[in-house]
Amino acid sequence: MSVPSFYGAELRFLRESAGLTLDQLVAGSFRGAPLLSRIERGELGMPMDLATHIDKKLKTNGFFERHCEAVHKARLAGHPPYFAKIPDLEKTATTIEDWAPFLIPGLFQTEAYARKTAQTSRSLTPPETIEKRVHARLARAEFWEREDRGTYWGILPESLIRRPLLPPEEMAEQLERITELARATNSVVQILPESEVDHSLMMGLLKILTFPDAPPLVYTEGVYSGQIIDYPPLVTNYRRSYDLARAAALSPKASLAMIEEAARGYRDEAQQGD
């Protein structure tokens, strides 16, 4: 059981023991029952203001306030601080839209690809930290097993499949994983051709998330930093840029065919090397 799941289960037990509904427990706070329900299921960590409110209402002597930090550290495990909230947000999102200009999106990465990127981007990082980051990235793939997962849409530049980061056989496995997951989950993956050199998303990684009961968010990332953006005008601008890139990309059918063709090429190269 994860740390958030442990404290979520404890919260539910204490709430029900007190004879309170979700609405009754959050009454008087600035939070809603849907958020509390997700916390009880271990899907989200508890905000400090809500922890303080619950401790007072359930008379738990600061239990949840004290352990907010433990949940926060659990969420950080294996992820850089600026990315820590994203895995939880992916689990609760209605839609996830990725623009991945430099690396295969984390939700699709094989172990070999995840390890290579961790080693390459952080050459001075201790091996044990790299292993934690690889494990954390692979754990995000649990998203595909969720019955209530959101709709996924990803746009990748053609260069990602043409310039191999891995040896031929491992690169073939990585590309095959993308096509297999896309088909098995009815997700959409598009390739932006190399000929589209002046497209609307030239400046870096972008992730757009929408939710059933909260405003949409945008996540952008650089080499050593990331930012969650919720300011509506900026979200609208990012949305417009993403839609323009989507329109410039190949169709989903043609994109998967291109990825499969590239995977076959790497397979043939691997066999010739043998």
Protein backbone atom coordinates (compact mmCIF):
# COMPACT_ATOMS: atom_id res chain seq x y z
CA MET A 1 0.00 0.00 0.00
CA SER A 2 1.29 3.47 -0.86
CA VAL A 3 1.62 6.15 1.80
CA PRO A 4 -1.28 8.23 0.39
CA SER A 5 -3.44 5.08 0.32
CA PHE A 6 -2.58 4.29 3.94
CA TYR A 7 -3.60 7.72 5.21
CA GLY A 8 -6.62 7.77 2.92
CA ALA A 9 -7.87 4.49 4.39
CA GLU A 10 -7.24 5.80 7.93
CA LEU A 11 -9.18 8.97 7.12
CA ARG A 12 -12.17 7.00 5.87
CA PHE A 13 -12.13 4.75 8.95
CA LEU A 14 -12.08 7.72 11.32
CA ARG A 15 -14.75 9.61 9.39
CA GLU A 16 -17.13 6.66 9.31
CA SER A 17 -16.42 5.91 12.98
CA ALA A 18 -17.49 9.48 13.75
CA GLY A 19 -20.68 8.96 11.73
CA LEU A 20 -19.90 11.73 9.26
CA THR A 21 -20.52 11.87 5.53
CA LEU A 22 -18.00 13.37 3.14
CA ASP A 23 -20.06 16.56 2.92
CA GLN A 24 -20.36 16.82 6.68
CA LEU A 25 -16.61 16.43 7.18
CA VAL A 26 -15.62 19.12 4.67
CA ALA A 27 -18.33 21.55 5.82
CA GLY A 28 -16.67 24.72 6.98
CA SER A 29 -13.51 24.16 4.91
CA PHE A 30 -12.66 25.56 1.50
CA ARG A 31 -12.63 22.08 -0.06
CA GLY A 32 -15.30 19.84 -1.57
CA ALA A 33 -16.49 16.28 -1.05
CA PRO A 34 -15.11 15.03 -4.43
CA LEU A 35 -11.58 16.00 -3.37
CA LEU A 36 -12.02 14.29 0.01
CA SER A 37 -13.26 11.13 -1.73
CA ARG A 38 -10.12 11.00 -3.89
CA ILE A 39 -7.93 11.48 -0.84
CA GLU A 40 -9.66 8.57 0.89
CA ARG A 41 -9.01 6.39 -2.17
CA GLY A 42 -5.31 7.29 -2.05
CA GLU A 43 -5.41 9.09 -5.39
CA LEU A 44 -4.39 12.49 -4.01
CA GLY A 45 -2.42 13.83 -1.09
CA MET A 46 -4.15 16.00 1.51
CA PRO A 47 -3.66 19.79 1.37
CA MET A 48 -2.41 21.23 4.66
CA ASP A 49 -5.45 23.47 5.16
CA LEU A 50 -7.76 20.47 4.83
CA ALA A 51 -5.60 18.39 7.18
CA THR A 52 -5.86 21.10 9.84
CA HIS A 53 -9.64 21.28 9.37
CA ILE A 54 -10.06 17.48 9.61
CA ASP A 55 -7.88 17.21 12.69
CA LYS A 56 -10.12 19.74 14.45
CA LYS A 57 -13.35 18.13 13.26
CA LEU A 58 -12.34 14.55 14.08
CA LYS A 59 -10.36 15.56 17.19
CA THR A 60 -7.31 13.61 15.97
CA ASN A 61 -4.77 15.77 17.80
CA GLY A 62 -2.92 16.96 14.68
CA PHE A 63 -2.51 13.46 13.17
CA PHE A 64 -3.20 14.38 9.54
CA GLU A 65 -1.42 17.73 9.74
CA ARG A 66 1.73 16.02 11.03
CA HIS A 67 1.63 13.37 8.33
CA CYS A 68 0.99 15.67 5.36
CA GLU A 69 4.77 15.87 5.03
CA ALA A 70 5.05 12.06 4.84
CA VAL A 71 2.54 11.96 2.01
CA HIS A 72 4.35 14.79 0.27
CA LYS A 73 7.67 12.94 0.49
CA ALA A 74 6.05 9.77 -0.85
CA ARG A 75 4.79 11.69 -3.86
CA LEU A 76 8.27 13.11 -4.46
CA ALA A 77 9.95 9.68 -4.35
CA GLY A 78 11.66 9.15 -7.68
CA HIS A 79 10.40 12.39 -9.22
CA PRO A 80 11.98 15.85 -9.21
CA PRO A 81 10.04 18.29 -6.97
CA TYR A 82 8.62 20.30 -9.85
CA PHE A 83 7.06 17.16 -11.37
CA ALA A 84 5.77 15.61 -8.13
CA LYS A 85 2.10 16.52 -8.59
CA ILE A 86 1.82 15.36 -12.21
CA PRO A 87 1.40 11.57 -11.64
CA ASP A 88 -1.55 12.21 -9.31
CA LEU A 89 -3.06 14.68 -11.77
CA GLU A 90 -2.72 12.14 -14.61
CA LYS A 91 -4.75 9.63 -12.61
CA THR A 92 -7.69 11.98 -12.14
CA ALA A 93 -7.62 13.78 -15.50
CA THR A 94 -10.39 13.45 -18.05
CA THR A 95 -7.97 14.08 -20.90
CA ILE A 96 -4.18 14.14 -21.17
CA GLU A 97 -2.57 15.78 -24.19
CA ASP A 98 1.20 15.58 -24.59
CA TRP A 99 3.63 17.35 -26.85
CA ALA A 100 6.95 15.54 -26.43
CA PRO A 101 9.64 17.26 -28.52
CA PHE A 102 12.74 15.64 -27.00
CA LEU A 103 11.85 12.28 -25.39
CA ILE A 104 9.19 9.60 -25.70
CA PRO A 105 6.44 10.52 -23.18
CA GLY A 106 6.98 8.94 -19.77
CA LEU A 107 3.69 7.00 -19.89
CA PHE A 108 5.02 5.07 -22.91
CA GLN A 109 8.62 4.52 -21.89
CA THR A 110 10.14 1.05 -21.62
CA GLU A 111 12.58 0.32 -18.80
CA ALA A 112 15.55 0.57 -21.15
CA TYR A 113 14.45 3.96 -22.44
CA ALA A 114 13.65 5.29 -18.95
CA ARG A 115 17.05 4.21 -17.63
CA LYS A 116 18.91 5.68 -20.58
CA THR A 117 17.21 9.06 -20.23
CA ALA A 118 17.83 9.10 -16.46
CA GLN A 119 21.51 8.33 -16.95
CA THR A 120 22.02 10.75 -19.81
CA SER A 121 20.24 13.76 -18.34
CA ARG A 122 21.74 13.46 -14.86
CA SER A 123 25.27 12.17 -15.29
CA LEU A 124 26.30 13.21 -11.76
CA THR A 125 23.31 11.59 -10.05
CA PRO A 126 24.08 8.59 -7.76
CA PRO A 127 23.07 5.19 -9.20
CA GLU A 128 20.52 4.55 -6.42
CA THR A 129 18.76 7.83 -7.22
CA ILE A 130 18.66 6.93 -10.90
CA GLU A 131 17.04 3.58 -10.03
CA LYS A 132 14.39 5.34 -7.95
CA ARG A 133 13.61 7.63 -10.86
CA VAL A 134 13.38 4.74 -13.31
CA HIS A 135 11.04 2.89 -10.96
CA ALA A 136 8.89 5.97 -10.47
CA ARG A 137 8.62 6.57 -14.20
CA LEU A 138 7.66 2.96 -14.91
CA ALA A 139 5.08 3.07 -12.11
CA ARG A 140 3.23 5.80 -14.02
CA ALA A 141 2.35 3.16 -16.61
CA GLU A 142 -0.27 1.88 -14.14
CA PHE A 143 -2.33 4.63 -15.75
CA TRP A 144 -3.06 2.27 -18.66
CA GLU A 145 -4.53 -0.36 -16.33
CA ARG A 146 -7.10 1.99 -14.80
CA GLU A 147 -10.67 1.43 -15.94
CA ASP A 148 -11.42 5.11 -15.29
CA ARG A 149 -8.35 6.47 -17.05
CA GLY A 150 -8.67 9.62 -19.06
CA THR A 151 -8.40 9.92 -22.82
CA TYR A 152 -4.81 10.19 -24.03
CA TRP A 153 -3.57 12.16 -27.04
CA GLY A 154 0.13 12.59 -27.82
CA ILE A 155 2.06 14.41 -30.53
CA LEU A 156 5.68 13.40 -31.21
CA PRO A 157 8.13 14.91 -33.70
CA GLU A 158 9.37 12.52 -36.38
CA SER A 159 12.94 12.99 -35.12
CA LEU A 160 12.11 10.97 -31.99
CA ILE A 161 11.63 7.82 -34.01
CA ARG A 162 14.34 8.53 -36.60
CA ARG A 163 17.21 9.30 -34.21
CA PRO A 164 17.60 6.29 -31.92
CA LEU A 165 18.46 6.85 -28.29
CA LEU A 166 18.89 3.08 -27.76
CA PRO A 167 20.50 0.15 -29.60
CA PRO A 168 18.35 -1.08 -32.52
CA GLU A 169 16.59 -3.95 -30.72
CA GLU A 170 15.70 -1.86 -27.67
CA MET A 171 14.58 1.01 -29.88
CA ALA A 172 12.30 -1.37 -31.77
CA GLU A 173 10.79 -2.50 -28.46
CA GLN A 174 10.19 1.10 -27.44
CA LEU A 175 8.39 1.99 -30.67
CA GLU A 176 6.36 -1.24 -30.58
CA ARG A 177 5.22 -0.38 -27.08
CA ILE A 178 3.85 2.94 -28.31
CA THR A 179 1.80 1.36 -31.09
CA GLU A 180 0.60 -1.54 -28.91
CA LEU A 181 -0.58 0.75 -26.13
CA ALA A 182 -2.17 3.21 -28.53
CA ARG A 183 -4.23 0.47 -30.17
CA ALA A 184 -5.08 -1.42 -26.99
CA THR A 185 -6.32 1.70 -25.19
CA ASN A 186 -7.86 3.60 -28.13
CA SER A 187 -5.40 6.39 -27.51
CA VAL A 188 -4.24 8.79 -30.21
CA VAL A 189 -0.59 9.27 -31.16
CA GLN A 190 0.38 11.58 -34.01
CA ILE A 191 3.72 12.24 -35.65
CA LEU A 192 4.65 15.78 -36.59
CA PRO A 193 6.72 15.42 -39.81
CA GLU A 194 10.25 16.78 -39.96
CA SER A 195 9.11 19.03 -42.81
CA GLU A 196 7.04 21.05 -40.28
CA VAL A 197 9.95 23.14 -39.06
CA ASP A 198 8.01 26.29 -38.08
CA HIS A 199 5.14 24.75 -36.14
CA SER A 200 3.31 26.29 -33.16
CA LEU A 201 5.05 24.25 -30.42
CA MET A 202 8.71 24.94 -31.11
CA MET A 203 9.65 26.02 -27.58
CA GLY A 204 9.47 22.89 -25.39
CA LEU A 205 7.54 20.13 -23.65
CA LEU A 206 3.83 20.65 -23.03
CA LYS A 207 1.13 18.68 -21.22
CA ILE A 208 -2.50 19.76 -21.06
CA LEU A 209 -4.81 18.17 -18.49
CA THR A 210 -8.57 18.55 -18.12
CA PHE A 211 -10.67 17.36 -15.18
CA PRO A 212 -14.33 16.53 -14.53
CA ASP A 213 -14.71 19.00 -11.65
CA ALA A 214 -11.78 21.43 -11.89
CA PRO A 215 -10.34 23.92 -14.41
CA PRO A 216 -7.80 22.67 -16.99
CA LEU A 217 -4.07 22.87 -16.29
CA VAL A 218 -0.96 23.16 -18.42
CA TYR A 219 2.43 21.74 -17.47
CA THR A 220 5.60 22.93 -19.17
CA GLU A 221 9.15 21.75 -18.49
CA GLY A 222 12.75 22.71 -19.09
CA VAL A 223 15.97 20.86 -18.31
CA TYR A 224 15.89 21.43 -14.54
CA SER A 225 12.51 23.03 -13.93
CA GLY A 226 8.82 22.64 -14.56
CA GLN A 227 5.74 24.77 -14.09
CA ILE A 228 2.02 24.11 -13.63
CA ILE A 229 -0.06 26.87 -15.21
CA ASP A 230 -3.74 27.44 -14.40
CA TYR A 231 -4.18 31.08 -15.49
CA PRO A 232 -7.10 30.81 -17.96
CA PRO A 233 -5.80 33.15 -20.70
CA LEU A 234 -2.45 31.31 -20.78
CA VAL A 235 -4.17 27.91 -20.76
CA THR A 236 -6.25 29.10 -23.74
CA ASN A 237 -3.12 30.18 -25.61
CA TYR A 238 -1.40 26.83 -25.00
CA ARG A 239 -4.58 25.06 -26.05
CA ARG A 240 -4.63 26.99 -29.33
CA SER A 241 -0.97 26.20 -30.04
CA TYR A 242 -1.52 22.51 -29.34
CA ASP A 243 -4.51 22.39 -31.67
CA LEU A 244 -2.48 24.01 -34.45
CA ALA A 245 0.28 21.41 -34.02
CA ARG A 246 -2.32 18.65 -34.02
CA ALA A 247 -3.67 19.96 -37.31
CA ALA A 248 -0.15 19.96 -38.83
CA ALA A 249 0.60 16.39 -37.73
CA LEU A 250 -0.03 13.20 -39.67
CA SER A 251 -3.29 11.37 -39.13
CA PRO A 252 -3.35 8.81 -36.28
CA LYS A 253 -3.45 5.94 -38.79
CA ALA A 254 -0.54 7.27 -40.84
CA SER A 255 1.40 8.07 -37.66
CA LEU A 256 1.13 4.53 -36.26
CA ALA A 257 2.13 3.16 -39.67
CA MET A 258 5.24 5.36 -39.63
CA ILE A 259 6.16 4.25 -36.10
CA GLU A 260 5.69 0.58 -37.05
CA GLU A 261 7.81 1.03 -40.16
CA ALA A 262 10.58 2.56 -38.07
CA ALA A 263 10.34 -0.30 -35.56
CA ARG A 264 10.72 -2.86 -38.37
CA GLY A 265 13.78 -1.00 -39.59
CA TYR A 266 15.39 -1.22 -36.16
CA ARG A 267 14.48 -4.93 -35.95
CA ASP A 268 16.14 -5.59 -39.30
CA GLU A 269 19.21 -3.61 -38.21
CA ALA A 270 19.44 -5.63 -35.00
CA GLN A 271 19.24 -8.93 -36.89
CA GLN A 272 21.91 -7.83 -39.34
CA GLY A 273 24.15 -6.93 -36.42
CA ASP A 274 23.73 -10.45 -35.02
